[in-house]
Amino acid sequence: MPVSHDLYQDLHYPREIVQQRRQQDPQLDRLLDEYIDIDNQVLAGESISAGNFVDEDLRHLKERRLAIKYLIERQLEHKG
């Protein structure tokens, strides 16, 4: 069964800090929303019921998710 990545663990920032910064930074808020949306698409694509997903599409989504995670990291470091 597909499992969502723990973004906060990957970022090495506590959830509380990220959420606090999110409220103060519209760019970070947008990036986090985008990450969650793409992560949900990846999970749907990996699930057994989503047999209509092509491997290439799933790979592309995972690459976008990773790119957004890097942007989130940069945004957190920039404003930190």
N, C-alpha and C. Protein backbone atom coordinates (compact mmCIF):
# COMPACT_ATOMS: atom_id res chain seq x y z
N MET A 1 0.83 -1.18 0.00
CA MET A 1 0.00 0.00 0.00
C MET A 1 0.88 1.25 0.00
N PRO A 2 0.63 2.19 -0.89
CA PRO A 2 1.42 3.43 -0.95
C PRO A 2 1.26 4.25 0.33
N VAL A 3 2.35 4.89 0.72
CA VAL A 3 2.35 5.71 1.93
C VAL A 3 2.90 7.08 1.59
N SER A 4 2.26 8.11 2.11
CA SER A 4 2.71 9.47 1.88
C SER A 4 4.06 9.70 2.55
N HIS A 5 4.90 10.49 1.90
CA HIS A 5 6.18 10.86 2.49
C HIS A 5 5.94 11.79 3.68
N ASP A 6 6.76 11.67 4.70
CA ASP A 6 6.69 12.60 5.82
C ASP A 6 7.54 13.81 5.45
N LEU A 7 6.91 14.81 4.90
CA LEU A 7 7.61 15.98 4.41
C LEU A 7 8.39 16.67 5.53
N TYR A 8 7.81 16.74 6.71
CA TYR A 8 8.45 17.46 7.81
C TYR A 8 9.73 16.75 8.25
N GLN A 9 9.72 15.45 8.23
CA GLN A 9 10.93 14.69 8.55
C GLN A 9 11.98 14.91 7.47
N ASP A 10 11.57 14.91 6.22
CA ASP A 10 12.50 15.14 5.12
C ASP A 10 13.12 16.54 5.19
N LEU A 11 12.33 17.51 5.63
CA LEU A 11 12.80 18.89 5.70
C LEU A 11 13.67 19.16 6.92
N HIS A 12 13.59 18.28 7.91
CA HIS A 12 14.32 18.45 9.17
C HIS A 12 13.87 19.71 9.91
N TYR A 13 12.59 20.02 9.77
CA TYR A 13 11.96 21.11 10.50
C TYR A 13 10.74 20.55 11.21
N PRO A 14 10.51 20.94 12.46
CA PRO A 14 9.29 20.48 13.14
C PRO A 14 8.04 21.02 12.43
N ARG A 15 7.02 20.24 12.46
CA ARG A 15 5.74 20.62 11.83
C ARG A 15 5.27 22.00 12.32
N GLU A 16 5.40 22.25 13.61
CA GLU A 16 4.93 23.51 14.18
C GLU A 16 5.65 24.71 13.56
N ILE A 17 6.95 24.57 13.38
CA ILE A 17 7.74 25.66 12.79
C ILE A 17 7.32 25.90 11.34
N VAL A 18 7.16 24.82 10.59
CA VAL A 18 6.77 24.95 9.18
C VAL A 18 5.40 25.60 9.08
N GLN A 19 4.46 25.16 9.93
CA GLN A 19 3.11 25.73 9.88
C GLN A 19 3.11 27.21 10.28
N GLN A 20 3.92 27.56 11.25
CA GLN A 20 4.03 28.95 11.66
C GLN A 20 4.60 29.80 10.52
N ARG A 21 5.64 29.30 9.90
CA ARG A 21 6.27 30.03 8.79
C ARG A 21 5.32 30.11 7.59
N ARG A 22 4.53 29.07 7.43
CA ARG A 22 3.58 29.02 6.32
C ARG A 22 2.57 30.16 6.43
N GLN A 23 2.14 30.45 7.63
CA GLN A 23 1.17 31.53 7.84
C GLN A 23 1.76 32.90 7.52
N GLN A 24 3.06 33.02 7.61
CA GLN A 24 3.73 34.31 7.39
C GLN A 24 4.29 34.46 5.99
N ASP A 25 4.31 33.38 5.22
CA ASP A 25 4.98 33.39 3.92
C ASP A 25 4.06 32.80 2.84
N PRO A 26 3.42 33.66 2.04
CA PRO A 26 2.49 33.17 1.01
C PRO A 26 3.15 32.24 -0.01
N GLN A 27 4.41 32.48 -0.34
CA GLN A 27 5.13 31.61 -1.29
C GLN A 27 5.29 30.21 -0.70
N LEU A 28 5.68 30.12 0.55
CA LEU A 28 5.82 28.83 1.22
C LEU A 28 4.47 28.14 1.29
N ASP A 29 3.43 28.88 1.61
CA ASP A 29 2.08 28.32 1.68
C ASP A 29 1.68 27.70 0.35
N ARG A 30 1.95 28.43 -0.75
CA ARG A 30 1.61 27.92 -2.08
C ARG A 30 2.40 26.65 -2.41
N LEU A 31 3.69 26.65 -2.09
CA LEU A 31 4.54 25.49 -2.37
C LEU A 31 4.08 24.27 -1.58
N LEU A 32 3.72 24.47 -0.32
CA LEU A 32 3.26 23.35 0.49
C LEU A 32 1.94 22.79 -0.05
N ASP A 33 1.03 23.67 -0.46
CA ASP A 33 -0.22 23.21 -1.07
C ASP A 33 0.06 22.40 -2.34
N GLU A 34 0.97 22.90 -3.15
CA GLU A 34 1.31 22.21 -4.40
C GLU A 34 1.95 20.84 -4.11
N TYR A 35 2.83 20.80 -3.10
CA TYR A 35 3.47 19.54 -2.73
C TYR A 35 2.42 18.52 -2.30
N ILE A 36 1.50 18.93 -1.45
CA ILE A 36 0.46 18.03 -0.95
C ILE A 36 -0.40 17.52 -2.10
N ASP A 37 -0.75 18.40 -3.03
CA ASP A 37 -1.56 18.01 -4.18
C ASP A 37 -0.83 16.96 -5.03
N ILE A 38 0.43 17.20 -5.31
CA ILE A 38 1.19 16.25 -6.15
C ILE A 38 1.44 14.96 -5.38
N ASP A 39 1.71 15.04 -4.09
CA ASP A 39 1.89 13.84 -3.29
C ASP A 39 0.63 12.98 -3.33
N ASN A 40 -0.52 13.60 -3.24
CA ASN A 40 -1.78 12.85 -3.33
C ASN A 40 -1.95 12.20 -4.70
N GLN A 41 -1.52 12.89 -5.76
CA GLN A 41 -1.58 12.31 -7.11
C GLN A 41 -0.64 11.10 -7.22
N VAL A 42 0.54 11.21 -6.62
CA VAL A 42 1.49 10.09 -6.63
C VAL A 42 0.89 8.90 -5.89
N LEU A 43 0.31 9.15 -4.73
CA LEU A 43 -0.30 8.06 -3.96
C LEU A 43 -1.42 7.40 -4.74
N ALA A 44 -2.23 8.21 -5.40
CA ALA A 44 -3.31 7.65 -6.22
C ALA A 44 -2.74 6.82 -7.37
N GLY A 45 -1.68 7.31 -7.98
CA GLY A 45 -1.06 6.59 -9.08
C GLY A 45 -0.42 5.29 -8.65
N GLU A 46 0.07 5.25 -7.42
CA GLU A 46 0.71 4.04 -6.90
C GLU A 46 -0.29 3.02 -6.37
N SER A 47 -1.49 3.46 -6.12
CA SER A 47 -2.48 2.54 -5.55
C SER A 47 -2.92 1.51 -6.60
N ILE A 48 -3.33 0.41 -6.13
CA ILE A 48 -3.74 -0.69 -7.02
C ILE A 48 -4.93 -0.29 -7.87
N SER A 49 -5.83 0.52 -7.32
CA SER A 49 -7.04 0.89 -8.05
C SER A 49 -6.76 1.88 -9.19
N ALA A 50 -5.58 2.42 -9.24
CA ALA A 50 -5.26 3.40 -10.29
C ALA A 50 -4.46 2.75 -11.41
N GLY A 51 -4.97 1.69 -11.95
CA GLY A 51 -4.28 0.96 -13.00
C GLY A 51 -4.17 1.73 -14.30
N ASN A 52 -4.82 2.88 -14.40
CA ASN A 52 -4.76 3.65 -15.64
C ASN A 52 -3.57 4.61 -15.66
N PHE A 53 -2.76 4.59 -14.62
CA PHE A 53 -1.59 5.47 -14.56
C PHE A 53 -0.41 4.81 -15.27
N VAL A 54 0.22 5.53 -16.16
CA VAL A 54 1.38 5.03 -16.89
C VAL A 54 2.62 5.30 -16.05
N ASP A 55 3.59 4.38 -16.08
CA ASP A 55 4.81 4.53 -15.30
C ASP A 55 5.50 5.87 -15.56
N GLU A 56 5.50 6.29 -16.79
CA GLU A 56 6.14 7.56 -17.15
C GLU A 56 5.44 8.74 -16.48
N ASP A 57 4.12 8.70 -16.44
CA ASP A 57 3.36 9.76 -15.76
C ASP A 57 3.68 9.79 -14.27
N LEU A 58 3.76 8.63 -13.67
CA LEU A 58 4.07 8.54 -12.25
C LEU A 58 5.48 9.05 -11.97
N ARG A 59 6.42 8.69 -12.83
CA ARG A 59 7.80 9.17 -12.68
C ARG A 59 7.85 10.69 -12.75
N HIS A 60 7.10 11.25 -13.70
CA HIS A 60 7.07 12.70 -13.87
C HIS A 60 6.49 13.37 -12.61
N LEU A 61 5.43 12.81 -12.06
CA LEU A 61 4.86 13.37 -10.83
C LEU A 61 5.85 13.32 -9.68
N LYS A 62 6.56 12.21 -9.57
CA LYS A 62 7.55 12.08 -8.49
C LYS A 62 8.68 13.09 -8.66
N GLU A 63 9.07 13.34 -9.89
CA GLU A 63 10.10 14.35 -10.14
C GLU A 63 9.61 15.74 -9.76
N ARG A 64 8.36 16.05 -10.10
CA ARG A 64 7.78 17.35 -9.73
C ARG A 64 7.68 17.48 -8.22
N ARG A 65 7.28 16.41 -7.55
CA ARG A 65 7.17 16.43 -6.09
C ARG A 65 8.54 16.71 -5.47
N LEU A 66 9.58 16.07 -5.98
CA LEU A 66 10.92 16.28 -5.46
C LEU A 66 11.40 17.71 -5.72
N ALA A 67 11.11 18.23 -6.90
CA ALA A 67 11.51 19.60 -7.23
C ALA A 67 10.82 20.59 -6.30
N ILE A 68 9.57 20.37 -6.01
CA ILE A 68 8.83 21.26 -5.11
C ILE A 68 9.38 21.15 -3.69
N LYS A 69 9.76 19.94 -3.28
CA LYS A 69 10.35 19.78 -1.95
C LYS A 69 11.63 20.60 -1.85
N TYR A 70 12.45 20.60 -2.88
CA TYR A 70 13.67 21.41 -2.87
C TYR A 70 13.34 22.90 -2.80
N LEU A 71 12.30 23.33 -3.50
CA LEU A 71 11.90 24.73 -3.43
C LEU A 71 11.42 25.09 -2.02
N ILE A 72 10.71 24.18 -1.39
CA ILE A 72 10.26 24.39 -0.01
C ILE A 72 11.47 24.52 0.91
N GLU A 73 12.44 23.64 0.75
CA GLU A 73 13.66 23.70 1.56
C GLU A 73 14.35 25.04 1.39
N ARG A 74 14.49 25.49 0.16
CA ARG A 74 15.14 26.77 -0.11
C ARG A 74 14.36 27.93 0.50
N GLN A 75 13.04 27.85 0.42
CA GLN A 75 12.22 28.92 0.99
C GLN A 75 12.36 28.96 2.51
N LEU A 76 12.41 27.80 3.13
CA LEU A 76 12.59 27.75 4.59
C LEU A 76 13.96 28.27 4.99
N GLU A 77 14.99 27.92 4.24
CA GLU A 77 16.35 28.37 4.56
C GLU A 77 16.50 29.88 4.29
N HIS A 78 15.86 30.33 3.23
CA HIS A 78 15.98 31.75 2.84
C HIS A 78 15.39 32.68 3.89
N LYS A 79 14.25 32.29 4.42
CA LYS A 79 13.56 33.15 5.39
C LYS A 79 13.96 32.85 6.82
N GLY A 80 14.78 31.80 7.01
CA GLY A 80 15.15 31.39 8.36
C GLY A 80 16.21 32.23 8.90
